[in-house]
Amino acid sequence: MPFRWEHLLSGEGLFTGTSLALALYFARQAATRVTLTRRAITRRIPLGATRTVALRQLMSVSTSGRAGNALILLYHPDRGDGMLDLDDVRSLVLPALDEQDALQSYLEAQVPA
């Protein structure tokens, strides 16, 4: 019996593909590492870019509940000469973490008033 593409396009194939994609997404989120130092926070994603944001760059800290309970950091990027580009705003999304409330409180205290 030849391979039938209709089987993959059925509801069963769609369910399997969606389940696999979600499993990979959440496995990547679970493997993400966040490091906090006195001056910066770093997010390391497996097979992805490492991003470090100095605490002096922070503009705001908030939570989002769409895909877990993620922390969203808005910050001004560094221009490269030690100054911040106040015309540009970027975001860094941190996955749900242990002791997330304490981290959020600490980061909010670092945001300039």
Protein backbone atom coordinates (compact mmCIF):
# COMPACT_ATOMS: atom_id res chain seq x y z
CA MET A 1 0.00 0.00 0.00
CA PRO A 2 1.57 3.36 -1.01
CA PHE A 3 2.03 6.19 1.46
CA ARG A 4 -1.06 8.36 1.66
CA TRP A 5 -0.69 12.11 2.26
CA GLU A 6 -4.34 12.32 3.23
CA HIS A 7 -3.51 10.55 6.48
CA LEU A 8 -1.11 13.35 7.50
CA LEU A 9 -3.66 16.01 6.65
CA SER A 10 -6.38 14.39 8.71
CA GLY A 11 -7.22 15.41 12.26
CA GLU A 12 -4.86 12.74 13.59
CA GLY A 13 -1.88 14.19 11.72
CA LEU A 14 -2.76 17.71 12.80
CA PHE A 15 -3.03 16.61 16.44
CA THR A 16 0.30 14.77 16.30
CA GLY A 17 2.08 17.72 14.66
CA THR A 18 0.65 20.26 17.10
CA SER A 19 1.49 18.06 20.10
CA LEU A 20 5.07 17.62 18.90
CA ALA A 21 5.53 21.36 18.30
CA LEU A 22 4.19 22.22 21.77
CA ALA A 23 6.35 19.56 23.42
CA LEU A 24 9.47 20.99 21.73
CA TYR A 25 8.52 24.56 22.71
CA PHE A 26 7.98 23.72 26.38
CA ALA A 27 11.11 21.53 26.51
CA ARG A 28 13.14 24.48 25.22
CA GLN A 29 11.53 26.77 27.81
CA ALA A 30 12.28 24.27 30.59
CA ALA A 31 15.94 24.06 29.50
CA THR A 32 16.37 27.86 29.43
CA ARG A 33 18.74 29.13 32.12
CA VAL A 34 18.54 32.56 33.76
CA THR A 35 21.47 34.00 35.71
CA LEU A 36 21.24 37.09 37.89
CA THR A 37 24.35 38.97 38.98
CA ARG A 38 24.69 42.23 40.85
CA ARG A 39 24.83 44.18 37.57
CA ALA A 40 23.02 42.11 34.93
CA ILE A 41 20.58 39.34 34.08
CA THR A 42 21.41 36.73 31.44
CA ARG A 43 19.09 34.35 29.58
CA ARG A 44 20.61 31.28 27.90
CA ILE A 45 18.38 29.32 25.53
CA PRO A 46 19.55 25.94 24.18
CA LEU A 47 20.38 26.26 20.47
CA GLY A 48 19.61 29.98 20.71
CA ALA A 49 21.25 33.27 21.44
CA THR A 50 22.43 34.26 24.90
CA ARG A 51 21.15 37.68 25.88
CA THR A 52 22.50 39.79 28.74
CA VAL A 53 20.79 42.95 29.95
CA ALA A 54 22.48 45.25 32.46
CA LEU A 55 20.15 46.20 35.29
CA ARG A 56 20.77 49.90 34.53
CA GLN A 57 19.14 49.33 31.12
CA LEU A 58 15.78 48.23 32.58
CA MET A 59 12.74 50.31 31.77
CA SER A 60 9.92 48.10 33.12
CA VAL A 61 9.17 44.63 34.46
CA SER A 62 5.83 42.87 33.98
CA THR A 63 4.30 39.39 33.78
CA SER A 64 2.43 37.70 30.97
CA GLY A 65 0.27 34.63 31.37
CA ARG A 66 -0.18 33.57 27.75
CA ALA A 67 2.35 30.73 27.67
CA GLY A 68 3.06 30.10 31.31
CA ASN A 69 3.78 32.89 33.74
CA ALA A 70 6.65 34.67 31.98
CA LEU A 71 8.48 37.80 33.10
CA ILE A 72 8.81 40.46 30.42
CA LEU A 73 11.64 42.96 30.75
CA LEU A 74 11.60 46.12 28.66
CA TYR A 75 14.98 47.79 28.35
CA HIS A 76 16.98 50.37 26.43
CA PRO A 77 19.81 48.78 24.40
CA ASP A 78 23.42 49.85 24.85
CA ARG A 79 24.73 51.98 21.96
CA GLY A 80 28.20 50.47 22.25
CA ASP A 81 29.85 53.56 23.72
CA GLY A 82 28.54 52.95 27.24
CA MET A 83 25.47 55.12 26.70
CA LEU A 84 21.89 53.86 26.41
CA ASP A 85 19.82 54.38 23.28
CA LEU A 86 16.76 55.97 24.90
CA ASP A 87 14.92 56.11 21.56
CA ASP A 88 14.91 52.30 21.22
CA VAL A 89 13.08 49.82 23.47
CA ARG A 90 13.64 46.07 23.34
CA SER A 91 12.18 43.18 25.30
CA LEU A 92 13.56 40.12 27.01
CA VAL A 93 11.11 37.34 27.91
CA LEU A 94 12.09 35.09 30.80
CA PRO A 95 10.30 31.76 31.27
CA ALA A 96 8.43 30.88 34.45
CA LEU A 97 11.01 30.52 37.22
CA ASP A 98 11.25 29.29 40.80
CA GLU A 99 10.91 32.23 43.20
CA GLN A 100 9.69 34.39 40.34
CA ASP A 101 7.88 36.82 42.64
CA ALA A 102 11.12 37.58 44.51
CA LEU A 103 12.97 38.08 41.21
CA GLN A 104 10.24 40.37 39.91
CA SER A 105 10.34 42.46 43.10
CA TYR A 106 14.13 42.73 42.91
CA LEU A 107 14.10 43.73 39.24
CA GLU A 108 11.31 46.27 39.79
CA ALA A 109 13.44 47.88 42.50
CA GLN A 110 16.26 48.28 39.94
CA VAL A 111 14.08 50.21 37.46
CA PRO A 112 14.79 53.96 37.67
CA ALA A 113 11.84 55.98 38.94
